[in-house]
Each structure stands twice: as C-alpha cells, then as structure tokens.
Amino acid sequence: MSLLSVRDLSVKLGPAPILEAVSFDLAAGGSLGIVGESGCGKSMTALAIMGLLPEGARASGEIVFEGEDLLALSEAELCRIRGRRLAMVFQEPMTALNPVKTIGFQVAEGLRWHLGLARGDAEARAVKLLDRVGLPQPRFSPGLYPHQLSGGQRQRVVIAMALACEPALLIADEPTTALDVTSQAAILDLLAEVAEEAGLALVLITHDLAVVWQNTAAMLVMYAGRVVERGATAAVFQRMAHPYTRGLLAASPGALDAPLPAGRRFATIPGTVPDPRHRPAGCVFAGRCPRVQDDCLPAQPADFAIDGHAVACLHPHREETPL
C-alpha cells in the first residue's frame, strides 16, 4: 500500500484550471522528484497535499495519505496531520520563520503542539535537532533570531522544524532557490541524509533535472498543470520521450560535461507556459513543440507507455538518450 496516492487531482482558481488530472503514488521511504518550469503546477501540487491552497482555490480528485483522503478532511483534522505526519520545507526560509521568535522557540513549538511535550523537554529536543541539521551550540544558540543567520542557516532551521515531530512525508519545495551554489549542495545533501536516517518519504520539487537525477528514485515532469512524463528516474533519463523533458535537459547547465565553446549559448525552449485561462484544447505543449503534428491539436493525449514509464505524447522520442 502506498504512503501517498494522488488520483486525478485537479485544482481550479476561479475559472482557471491550475492542475488537471495529476496522479502518482509514493511508497513509505520513497523519493519523488517533481520538475518543470515556473507556472507548471509543481508548488500547487504540494500545497494541495498539505491542505494549504490559496483562498478561492477548489480541489477535486483524491489525495490519500496513510489511508485518509486529505481532501475530505476538515481544517481541524488537517491540523492534526500537518506538521506531525506531513511536513514541508518552503522555497524562502524567511517567509517560513517568524522574525520575532527565536529559532529554538520555533523548533520547539511543533513539539509542544503536536506531541504535548513540556517546555523544557521541547527546548532540549530542539537543541538536538538544530545540532543535527548543522547548527550546533555554542556557535548557534537557540536564542538567535532568524535575521542573525544566513540564508542557508535559516533553511537548516526550517528543516529542523519540519523534522521535529518525525513525519512520514517531507515535501521540499525548491528548498535551494534563494541560496548560493555551495549552500544549495549542502542543503540537498542534508535532506537526503535525514530522509534516509529517518526512513521518511521525500518529495523534492525543483526546476533542475540534475537535482532530480541525483536525489530521487522516481520523477514527474509537469507542464501547464499536467504530468507529461513520469516513471523511475533512471528510466526517464535513459529514454527521455517527451519533447518538453528533452528541452529541459538541453537548457540545464548541469547537462553539459564541459564549459560552453566560445560563442555558443545554452539551449532554450521557445515561447512560454500558456496562461491557465487560455490553455489549448489539444496537447498543452503543442505551441512550443518542435515535433508538433496535426493530430496533436484536437485533444490532450493520454499516457503512452514506453520503455517502462509513461509519456503524454502522441509522437514520443524512442531513441536512447545518453546520460
């Protein structure tokens, strides 16, 4: 039985469809990467799982976590699970931290709320958690405030908060976006380490295919609110079948083994992600696709099985893609 099973998840914000028929499974202790450009629905998928959709958004389908459909739960019931069994690390740590509360207080708060620990016990456990994520005493006192830390250090505090109650599932939504390259690598290594140590499932949201390749066992490629390619990470990278997935790889600096020759530029995908209010009736990628044909335009293609994974494309690539 899957720890998390998402079936036909759709989200509308007013009349605009933000997500359409998103489905996937994640086993306990598993890892899943969700990749795509900004505006493709990655973060909205995470917010739907957490029950944190923006005001006015309406979700349908099923999000079954540990046997309970999260979409059927009340806010009070979600609060029982959120922060306890489900946890999330957000893109910008300063928006996730309270600027007027100490880091020790903020890590201890979830322990007191969810586990009912006494203040002293919660604070002692918070110190251990901060040490585990690389913020040991005395250099990093639990009495410090967020503004006294760097961006990478603040993100470590957010990870400590997320891990405090030993969740079964951790969602990391582009956790390295605001960090320098060195801090990015350190945070990704930390997430992988703590997930393995605790045996928790990890959903890693990113725009970088290299991050997915290095850190997850399965992956989804999302475009314009839909899943266009999914499967085991190794299988998807071995034969990238959807033109959008190939475009992302070509545009990724990590896809190149050597510096660009003089005068050469990184590849780009022409055009932009379509406005949710004006998505085409057919394949959502047709307007940017180098392989588009007449039969792509009438209707959105269903999943097509190829080489052990699923591709929503009528004309997928079949040849091997070297890693």
Protein backbone atom coordinates (compact mmCIF):
# COMPACT_ATOMS: atom_id res chain seq x y z
CA MET A 1 0.00 0.00 0.00
CA SER A 2 1.30 3.45 -0.94
CA LEU A 3 2.01 6.01 1.73
CA LEU A 4 0.65 8.69 -0.61
CA SER A 5 -1.69 8.07 -3.53
CA VAL A 6 -2.83 11.01 -5.65
CA ARG A 7 -5.59 10.31 -8.16
CA ASP A 8 -6.96 12.73 -10.76
CA LEU A 9 -6.06 15.76 -8.67
CA SER A 10 -7.43 18.90 -10.27
CA VAL A 11 -7.32 22.43 -8.86
CA LYS A 12 -9.20 25.48 -10.12
CA LEU A 13 -8.58 29.05 -9.06
CA GLY A 14 -11.79 30.77 -10.08
CA PRO A 15 -12.49 29.54 -13.64
CA ALA A 16 -8.81 28.84 -14.37
CA PRO A 17 -7.63 25.20 -14.24
CA ILE A 18 -4.30 25.20 -12.39
CA LEU A 19 -3.90 21.41 -12.12
CA GLU A 20 -5.57 18.81 -14.32
CA ALA A 21 -5.79 15.07 -13.58
CA VAL A 22 -2.49 14.75 -11.70
CA SER A 23 -1.89 11.17 -10.48
CA PHE A 24 1.04 9.43 -8.81
CA ASP A 25 1.98 7.10 -5.94
CA LEU A 26 4.75 7.29 -3.36
CA ALA A 27 5.74 4.42 -1.10
CA ALA A 28 6.90 4.81 2.50
CA GLY A 29 10.58 5.74 2.47
CA GLY A 30 10.48 6.50 -1.26
CA SER A 31 11.65 9.62 -3.08
CA LEU A 32 9.89 11.53 -5.85
CA GLY A 33 11.13 14.48 -7.89
CA ILE A 34 8.67 16.91 -9.49
CA VAL A 35 10.27 19.04 -12.19
CA GLY A 36 9.13 21.75 -14.60
CA GLU A 37 9.26 25.45 -15.32
CA SER A 38 7.70 28.07 -13.07
CA GLY A 39 3.93 28.09 -13.51
CA CYS A 40 3.65 24.38 -14.36
CA GLY A 41 1.85 23.38 -11.13
CA LYS A 42 4.65 21.89 -9.03
CA SER A 43 4.13 24.05 -5.95
CA MET A 44 0.34 23.93 -6.31
CA THR A 45 0.55 20.13 -6.17
CA ALA A 46 2.48 20.39 -2.90
CA LEU A 47 0.07 22.93 -1.45
CA ALA A 48 -2.88 20.71 -2.34
CA ILE A 49 -1.28 17.79 -0.49
CA MET A 50 -0.63 19.99 2.55
CA GLY A 51 -4.13 21.50 2.50
CA LEU A 52 -2.68 24.98 2.04
CA LEU A 53 -4.28 26.04 -1.23
CA PRO A 54 -4.82 29.78 -1.70
CA GLU A 55 -8.20 31.29 -0.88
CA GLY A 56 -10.70 30.65 -3.66
CA ALA A 57 -8.97 27.52 -4.96
CA ARG A 58 -11.08 24.36 -5.32
CA ALA A 59 -9.56 20.88 -5.44
CA SER A 60 -11.13 17.63 -6.68
CA GLY A 61 -9.92 14.06 -7.00
CA GLU A 62 -8.23 12.13 -4.20
CA ILE A 63 -5.14 12.63 -2.06
CA VAL A 64 -4.94 9.50 0.10
CA PHE A 65 -2.26 9.70 2.79
CA GLU A 66 -1.88 6.87 5.29
CA GLY A 67 -5.35 5.65 4.32
CA GLU A 68 -7.13 9.02 4.70
CA ASP A 69 -8.36 11.21 1.85
CA LEU A 70 -6.92 14.59 2.77
CA LEU A 71 -9.39 16.43 0.54
CA ALA A 72 -12.27 15.05 2.64
CA LEU A 73 -10.85 16.26 5.97
CA SER A 74 -11.82 19.38 7.87
CA GLU A 75 -9.25 22.07 8.67
CA ALA A 76 -9.11 20.86 12.28
CA GLU A 77 -8.40 17.31 11.09
CA LEU A 78 -5.70 18.55 8.70
CA CYS A 79 -4.04 20.46 11.54
CA ARG A 80 -3.71 17.16 13.38
CA ILE A 81 -1.72 15.71 10.46
CA ARG A 82 0.08 18.77 9.10
CA GLY A 83 3.37 19.27 10.91
CA ARG A 84 3.04 15.86 12.56
CA ARG A 85 2.85 13.27 9.77
CA LEU A 86 3.15 15.70 6.85
CA ALA A 87 5.84 18.38 6.78
CA MET A 88 7.05 20.90 4.23
CA VAL A 89 10.18 22.95 3.57
CA PHE A 90 9.36 26.10 1.60
CA GLN A 91 11.39 28.00 -1.00
CA GLU A 92 12.23 31.08 1.04
CA PRO A 93 13.05 30.39 4.70
CA MET A 94 12.38 33.96 5.85
CA THR A 95 8.72 33.58 4.91
CA ALA A 96 8.54 30.29 6.85
CA LEU A 97 10.13 31.70 10.02
CA ASN A 98 8.68 34.20 12.48
CA PRO A 99 11.14 37.13 12.63
CA VAL A 100 10.26 37.98 16.26
CA LYS A 101 10.64 34.45 17.69
CA THR A 102 13.94 32.71 18.41
CA ILE A 103 14.94 29.72 16.33
CA GLY A 104 14.87 27.47 19.39
CA PHE A 105 11.32 28.54 20.23
CA GLN A 106 10.15 27.91 16.67
CA VAL A 107 11.62 24.40 16.50
CA ALA A 108 10.21 23.57 19.94
CA GLU A 109 6.75 24.94 19.15
CA GLY A 110 5.70 21.98 16.99
CA LEU A 111 6.92 19.53 19.63
CA ARG A 112 4.77 21.19 22.26
CA TRP A 113 1.74 21.49 19.97
CA HIS A 114 1.74 18.04 18.37
CA LEU A 115 3.48 15.84 20.94
CA GLY A 116 2.45 17.64 24.12
CA LEU A 117 6.00 17.93 25.43
CA ALA A 118 6.71 20.15 28.40
CA ARG A 119 8.53 23.37 27.55
CA GLY A 120 11.89 22.24 28.94
CA ASP A 121 11.75 18.89 27.16
CA ALA A 122 10.75 20.53 23.87
CA GLU A 123 13.56 23.06 24.10
CA ALA A 124 16.13 20.35 24.87
CA ARG A 125 14.96 18.35 21.87
CA ALA A 126 15.07 21.49 19.71
CA VAL A 127 18.75 21.93 20.58
CA LYS A 128 19.45 18.36 19.42
CA LEU A 129 17.55 18.95 16.18
CA LEU A 130 19.47 22.15 15.45
CA ASP A 131 22.70 20.28 16.06
CA ARG A 132 21.60 17.51 13.67
CA VAL A 133 20.98 19.96 10.83
CA GLY A 134 24.38 21.58 11.26
CA LEU A 135 23.67 24.41 13.73
CA PRO A 136 25.44 23.23 16.91
CA GLN A 137 25.91 25.13 20.15
CA PRO A 138 27.58 27.32 21.29
CA ARG A 139 28.10 28.95 17.89
CA PHE A 140 24.40 28.72 17.04
CA SER A 141 22.47 29.45 20.19
CA PRO A 142 18.75 28.55 20.16
CA GLY A 143 18.26 32.13 21.36
CA LEU A 144 19.26 33.55 17.96
CA TYR A 145 16.69 35.23 15.73
CA PRO A 146 16.27 34.45 12.00
CA HIS A 147 17.82 37.75 10.87
CA GLN A 148 21.06 36.76 12.63
CA LEU A 149 21.54 33.77 10.32
CA SER A 150 22.48 33.40 6.66
CA GLY A 151 20.02 32.07 4.09
CA GLY A 152 21.45 28.56 4.23
CA GLN A 153 21.41 28.57 8.03
CA ARG A 154 17.79 29.72 8.08
CA GLN A 155 16.88 26.89 5.71
CA ARG A 156 18.51 24.45 8.13
CA VAL A 157 16.25 25.81 10.89
CA VAL A 158 13.21 25.21 8.66
CA ILE A 159 14.38 21.63 8.04
CA ALA A 160 14.77 21.11 11.80
CA MET A 161 11.20 22.37 12.29
CA ALA A 162 9.93 20.00 9.60
CA LEU A 163 11.72 17.01 11.13
CA ALA A 164 10.79 17.79 14.74
CA CYS A 165 7.76 15.50 15.01
CA GLU A 166 9.23 12.70 12.88
CA PRO A 167 6.87 12.97 9.89
CA ALA A 168 6.27 10.17 7.43
CA LEU A 169 6.43 12.51 4.42
CA LEU A 170 8.59 15.57 3.82
CA ILE A 171 7.89 17.89 0.88
CA ALA A 172 10.75 20.20 -0.10
CA ASP A 173 9.53 22.91 -2.47
CA GLU A 174 12.59 24.27 -4.30
CA PRO A 175 14.45 24.47 -0.97
CA THR A 176 17.64 25.89 -2.50
CA THR A 177 16.19 28.64 -4.74
CA ALA A 178 17.46 31.61 -2.71
CA LEU A 179 20.84 30.09 -1.78
CA ASP A 180 24.35 30.26 -3.22
CA VAL A 181 25.77 27.22 -5.02
CA THR A 182 27.72 25.92 -2.02
CA SER A 183 24.71 26.21 0.29
CA GLN A 184 22.46 24.56 -2.30
CA ALA A 185 24.63 21.44 -2.38
CA ALA A 186 24.84 21.31 1.42
CA ILE A 187 21.05 21.60 1.86
CA LEU A 188 20.34 18.89 -0.74
CA ASP A 189 22.86 16.57 0.91
CA LEU A 190 21.26 17.25 4.29
CA LEU A 191 17.76 16.46 3.00
CA ALA A 192 18.97 13.18 1.51
CA GLU A 193 20.75 12.24 4.73
CA VAL A 194 17.87 12.96 7.09
CA ALA A 195 15.35 11.24 4.81
CA GLU A 196 17.47 8.08 4.77
CA GLU A 197 18.14 8.18 8.51
CA ALA A 198 14.50 8.67 9.47
CA GLY A 199 13.08 6.42 6.75
CA LEU A 200 10.71 9.14 5.63
CA ALA A 201 9.37 9.67 2.12
CA LEU A 202 10.66 12.71 0.26
CA VAL A 203 9.00 14.81 -2.44
CA LEU A 204 11.56 17.16 -3.99
CA ILE A 205 10.22 19.97 -6.18
CA THR A 206 12.69 21.66 -8.50
CA HIS A 207 13.25 23.15 -11.95
CA ASP A 208 16.64 21.43 -12.19
CA LEU A 209 16.77 17.97 -13.77
CA ALA A 210 20.24 17.37 -12.33
CA VAL A 211 18.82 17.69 -8.80
CA VAL A 212 16.16 15.08 -9.61
CA TRP A 213 18.73 12.72 -11.13
CA GLN A 214 20.97 12.90 -8.07
CA ASN A 215 18.35 12.78 -5.32
CA THR A 216 15.20 10.85 -6.28
CA ALA A 217 14.20 7.36 -7.35
CA ALA A 218 11.06 8.38 -9.28
CA MET A 219 10.04 11.56 -11.07
CA LEU A 220 7.21 13.52 -12.63
CA VAL A 221 7.69 16.11 -15.37
CA MET A 222 4.91 18.72 -15.19
CA TYR A 223 3.89 21.20 -17.83
CA ALA A 224 0.93 23.62 -17.72
CA GLY A 225 -0.73 21.80 -14.82
CA ARG A 226 -0.39 18.32 -16.30
CA VAL A 227 2.01 15.43 -15.87
CA VAL A 228 3.64 14.90 -19.28
CA GLU A 229 6.20 12.23 -18.31
CA ARG A 230 6.60 10.03 -15.24
CA GLY A 231 8.35 6.92 -14.06
CA ALA A 232 11.51 5.69 -12.36
CA THR A 233 14.15 8.42 -12.60
CA ALA A 234 16.68 6.13 -14.28
CA ALA A 235 14.10 5.02 -16.89
CA VAL A 236 13.05 8.58 -17.71
CA PHE A 237 16.64 9.75 -18.09
CA GLN A 238 17.58 6.73 -20.17
CA ARG A 239 14.92 7.46 -22.79
CA MET A 240 13.53 10.95 -22.41
CA ALA A 241 10.46 10.51 -24.55
CA HIS A 242 8.62 13.82 -24.20
CA PRO A 243 9.97 16.81 -26.15
CA TYR A 244 9.47 19.02 -23.11
CA THR A 245 11.65 16.79 -20.90
CA ARG A 246 14.37 16.87 -23.54
CA GLY A 247 14.07 20.63 -23.76
CA LEU A 248 14.53 20.98 -20.01
CA LEU A 249 17.64 18.81 -20.13
CA ALA A 250 19.14 20.76 -23.03
CA ALA A 251 18.54 24.03 -21.15
CA SER A 252 20.13 22.76 -17.93
CA PRO A 253 23.75 23.79 -17.23
CA GLY A 254 24.19 20.51 -15.35
CA ALA A 255 23.50 18.61 -18.57
CA LEU A 256 26.84 19.68 -20.00
CA ASP A 257 30.10 17.99 -19.02
CA ALA A 258 32.31 20.83 -20.24
CA PRO A 259 32.16 24.64 -20.49
CA LEU A 260 30.34 26.04 -23.49
CA PRO A 261 32.54 26.73 -26.50
CA ALA A 262 33.11 30.39 -27.30
CA GLY A 263 30.07 31.93 -28.94
CA ARG A 264 27.70 29.08 -28.04
CA ARG A 265 24.63 29.70 -25.88
CA PHE A 266 22.55 27.41 -23.73
CA ALA A 267 19.57 25.89 -25.48
CA THR A 268 16.17 27.40 -24.76
CA ILE A 269 12.57 26.32 -25.23
CA PRO A 270 10.87 28.97 -27.41
CA GLY A 271 7.71 30.56 -26.03
CA THR A 272 6.23 30.48 -22.54
CA VAL A 273 3.96 28.30 -20.41
CA PRO A 274 0.36 29.06 -21.51
CA ASP A 275 -1.95 31.12 -19.32
CA PRO A 276 -4.23 28.68 -17.39
CA ARG A 277 -7.24 30.69 -18.57
CA HIS A 278 -6.36 30.12 -22.22
CA ARG A 279 -4.83 26.67 -22.46
CA PRO A 280 -5.18 24.93 -25.83
CA ALA A 281 -7.72 22.13 -26.13
CA GLY A 282 -5.14 19.71 -27.51
CA CYS A 283 -1.64 18.96 -26.30
CA VAL A 284 -0.68 21.72 -23.88
CA PHE A 285 2.90 21.73 -25.20
CA ALA A 286 1.95 21.87 -28.89
CA GLY A 287 2.63 25.61 -29.22
CA ARG A 288 6.29 25.13 -28.22
CA CYS A 289 6.94 21.63 -29.53
CA PRO A 290 9.43 21.01 -32.35
CA ARG A 291 7.64 17.74 -33.23
CA VAL A 292 4.06 19.03 -33.34
CA GLN A 293 1.78 17.46 -35.95
CA ASP A 294 -1.85 17.96 -36.94
CA ASP A 295 -3.12 15.14 -34.72
CA CYS A 296 -1.63 16.84 -31.62
CA LEU A 297 -4.14 19.68 -31.77
CA PRO A 298 -7.65 18.18 -31.31
CA ALA A 299 -7.28 16.65 -27.82
CA GLN A 300 -4.82 16.25 -24.96
CA PRO A 301 -3.03 12.89 -25.42
CA ALA A 302 -3.47 10.15 -22.85
CA ASP A 303 -0.45 8.47 -21.27
CA PHE A 304 1.55 6.32 -23.65
CA ALA A 305 3.70 3.54 -22.16
CA ILE A 306 7.25 3.48 -23.46
CA ASP A 307 10.29 1.71 -22.05
CA GLY A 308 8.91 1.28 -18.55
CA HIS A 309 7.46 4.75 -17.99
CA ALA A 310 4.50 6.88 -19.09
CA VAL A 311 4.53 9.74 -21.59
CA ALA A 312 1.63 12.02 -22.55
CA CYS A 313 2.67 12.44 -26.17
CA LEU A 314 1.43 11.09 -29.49
CA HIS A 315 4.90 11.27 -31.05
CA PRO A 316 7.41 10.46 -28.33
CA HIS A 317 11.12 10.09 -28.87
CA ARG A 318 12.16 6.45 -28.87
CA GLU A 319 15.90 6.56 -29.24
CA GLU A 320 18.18 6.28 -26.22
CA THR A 321 19.39 9.46 -24.57
CA PRO A 322 22.91 9.19 -23.16
CA LEU A 323 23.23 10.38 -19.58
